[in-house]
């Protein structure tokens, strides 16, 4: 993600490729988050909760 931001800062606002790079960068960031969440789900364990009464 940091590399994408640095690339975006280097490009001029009037550059015709800027919108395409923006869209590509956003898609890449979303894919990275999606992969991270899948890995997180695999390694995350549920806490075992023992049922008990109200009082």
N, C-alpha and C. Protein backbone atom coordinates (compact mmCIF):
# COMPACT_ATOMS: atom_id res chain seq x y z
N UNK A 1 0.82 -1.18 0.00
CA UNK A 1 0.00 0.00 0.00
C UNK A 1 0.87 1.25 0.00
N UNK A 2 1.95 1.22 0.75
CA UNK A 2 2.84 2.38 0.83
C UNK A 2 3.46 2.69 -0.53
N UNK A 3 3.79 1.64 -1.29
CA UNK A 3 4.40 1.83 -2.61
C UNK A 3 3.41 2.53 -3.54
N UNK A 4 2.15 2.13 -3.45
CA UNK A 4 1.11 2.75 -4.28
C UNK A 4 0.99 4.24 -3.99
N UNK A 5 1.01 4.61 -2.74
CA UNK A 5 0.88 6.02 -2.35
C UNK A 5 2.07 6.81 -2.87
N UNK A 6 3.27 6.25 -2.77
CA UNK A 6 4.47 6.93 -3.27
C UNK A 6 4.39 7.12 -4.78
N UNK A 7 3.93 6.10 -5.50
CA UNK A 7 3.78 6.21 -6.96
C UNK A 7 2.79 7.31 -7.32
N UNK A 8 1.71 7.38 -6.58
CA UNK A 8 0.68 8.37 -6.85
C UNK A 8 1.19 9.79 -6.61
N UNK A 9 2.04 9.96 -5.61
CA UNK A 9 2.60 11.29 -5.32
C UNK A 9 3.54 11.76 -6.42
N UNK A 10 4.21 10.82 -7.08
CA UNK A 10 5.16 11.18 -8.12
C UNK A 10 4.48 11.64 -9.41
N UNK A 11 3.26 11.18 -9.65
CA UNK A 11 2.56 11.47 -10.90
C UNK A 11 1.87 12.83 -10.82
N UNK A 12 1.92 13.54 -11.92
CA UNK A 12 1.26 14.85 -12.00
C UNK A 12 -0.26 14.68 -12.00
N UNK A 13 -0.96 15.68 -11.50
CA UNK A 13 -2.42 15.64 -11.48
C UNK A 13 -3.01 15.68 -12.89
N UNK A 14 -2.28 16.20 -13.82
CA UNK A 14 -2.77 16.32 -15.20
C UNK A 14 -2.42 15.10 -16.05
N UNK A 15 -1.72 14.15 -15.48
CA UNK A 15 -1.34 12.95 -16.22
C UNK A 15 -2.58 12.13 -16.56
N UNK A 16 -2.65 11.64 -17.81
CA UNK A 16 -3.80 10.87 -18.25
C UNK A 16 -3.85 9.48 -17.62
N UNK A 17 -2.73 8.98 -17.16
CA UNK A 17 -2.68 7.64 -16.57
C UNK A 17 -3.07 7.64 -15.09
N UNK A 18 -3.19 8.80 -14.49
CA UNK A 18 -3.47 8.89 -13.05
C UNK A 18 -4.76 8.15 -12.64
N UNK A 19 -5.89 8.35 -13.33
CA UNK A 19 -7.10 7.62 -12.92
C UNK A 19 -6.96 6.10 -13.04
N UNK A 20 -6.25 5.65 -14.08
CA UNK A 20 -6.06 4.20 -14.26
C UNK A 20 -5.18 3.64 -13.15
N UNK A 21 -4.14 4.37 -12.79
CA UNK A 21 -3.26 3.93 -11.71
C UNK A 21 -4.00 3.93 -10.38
N UNK A 22 -4.85 4.93 -10.18
CA UNK A 22 -5.66 5.00 -8.97
C UNK A 22 -6.56 3.77 -8.84
N UNK A 23 -7.27 3.43 -9.90
CA UNK A 23 -8.17 2.28 -9.88
C UNK A 23 -7.39 0.98 -9.67
N UNK A 24 -6.26 0.85 -10.34
CA UNK A 24 -5.44 -0.34 -10.19
C UNK A 24 -4.93 -0.46 -8.75
N UNK A 25 -4.52 0.64 -8.17
CA UNK A 25 -4.02 0.64 -6.79
C UNK A 25 -5.10 0.29 -5.79
N UNK A 26 -6.30 0.81 -6.00
CA UNK A 26 -7.41 0.51 -5.09
C UNK A 26 -7.76 -0.97 -5.17
N UNK A 27 -7.80 -1.53 -6.37
CA UNK A 27 -8.09 -2.96 -6.53
C UNK A 27 -7.03 -3.80 -5.84
N UNK A 28 -5.77 -3.40 -5.96
CA UNK A 28 -4.67 -4.14 -5.34
C UNK A 28 -4.78 -4.09 -3.82
N UNK A 29 -5.12 -2.93 -3.28
CA UNK A 29 -5.27 -2.79 -1.83
C UNK A 29 -6.41 -3.66 -1.32
N UNK A 30 -7.54 -3.67 -2.04
CA UNK A 30 -8.68 -4.50 -1.64
C UNK A 30 -8.35 -5.99 -1.69
N UNK A 31 -7.58 -6.41 -2.70
CA UNK A 31 -7.17 -7.81 -2.78
C UNK A 31 -6.25 -8.18 -1.62
N UNK A 32 -5.33 -7.28 -1.25
CA UNK A 32 -4.43 -7.55 -0.13
C UNK A 32 -5.23 -7.70 1.16
N UNK A 33 -6.22 -6.84 1.36
CA UNK A 33 -7.05 -6.92 2.56
C UNK A 33 -7.86 -8.21 2.58
N UNK A 34 -8.35 -8.61 1.42
CA UNK A 34 -9.15 -9.83 1.32
C UNK A 34 -8.28 -11.05 1.66
N UNK A 35 -7.07 -11.11 1.12
CA UNK A 35 -6.16 -12.21 1.41
C UNK A 35 -5.78 -12.23 2.88
N UNK A 36 -5.54 -11.07 3.45
CA UNK A 36 -5.16 -10.99 4.86
C UNK A 36 -6.30 -11.49 5.74
N UNK A 37 -7.53 -11.18 5.37
CA UNK A 37 -8.66 -11.62 6.19
C UNK A 37 -8.84 -13.13 6.10
N UNK A 38 -8.56 -13.73 4.93
CA UNK A 38 -8.65 -15.18 4.80
C UNK A 38 -7.61 -15.86 5.67
N UNK A 39 -6.40 -15.35 5.65
CA UNK A 39 -5.33 -15.93 6.46
C UNK A 39 -5.65 -15.73 7.94
N UNK A 40 -6.17 -14.58 8.28
CA UNK A 40 -6.54 -14.31 9.67
C UNK A 40 -7.62 -15.26 10.17
N UNK A 41 -8.58 -15.55 9.31
CA UNK A 41 -9.65 -16.48 9.70
C UNK A 41 -9.11 -17.88 9.92
N UNK A 42 -8.13 -18.28 9.13
CA UNK A 42 -7.58 -19.62 9.29
C UNK A 42 -6.85 -19.77 10.61
N UNK A 43 -6.13 -18.76 11.04
CA UNK A 43 -5.33 -18.86 12.24
C UNK A 43 -6.05 -18.42 13.51
N UNK A 44 -7.17 -17.76 13.36
CA UNK A 44 -7.92 -17.30 14.52
C UNK A 44 -8.72 -18.46 15.08
N UNK A 45 -8.68 -18.63 16.38
CA UNK A 45 -9.45 -19.69 17.01
C UNK A 45 -10.57 -19.08 17.83
N UNK A 46 -11.66 -19.79 17.87
CA UNK A 46 -12.79 -19.33 18.67
C UNK A 46 -12.52 -19.64 20.14
N UNK A 47 -12.95 -18.75 21.00
CA UNK A 47 -12.85 -19.00 22.43
C UNK A 47 -13.94 -19.98 22.82
N UNK A 48 -13.58 -20.95 23.63
CA UNK A 48 -14.57 -21.91 24.09
C UNK A 48 -15.33 -21.29 25.25
N UNK A 49 -16.64 -21.21 25.09
CA UNK A 49 -17.50 -20.61 26.10
C UNK A 49 -18.31 -21.71 26.76
N UNK A 50 -18.26 -21.73 28.05
CA UNK A 50 -19.06 -22.71 28.78
C UNK A 50 -20.41 -22.07 29.14
N UNK A 51 -21.51 -22.72 28.77
CA UNK A 51 -22.82 -22.16 29.09
C UNK A 51 -23.08 -22.21 30.61
N UNK A 52 -23.74 -21.20 31.11
CA UNK A 52 -24.10 -21.19 32.52
C UNK A 52 -25.44 -20.47 32.68
N UNK A 53 -26.02 -20.57 33.83
CA UNK A 53 -27.33 -20.01 34.07
C UNK A 53 -27.31 -18.50 34.21
N UNK A 54 -28.49 -17.92 34.25
CA UNK A 54 -28.63 -16.48 34.37
C UNK A 54 -28.25 -15.98 35.74
N UNK A 55 -28.37 -16.79 36.77
CA UNK A 55 -28.09 -16.32 38.13
C UNK A 55 -27.27 -17.31 38.90
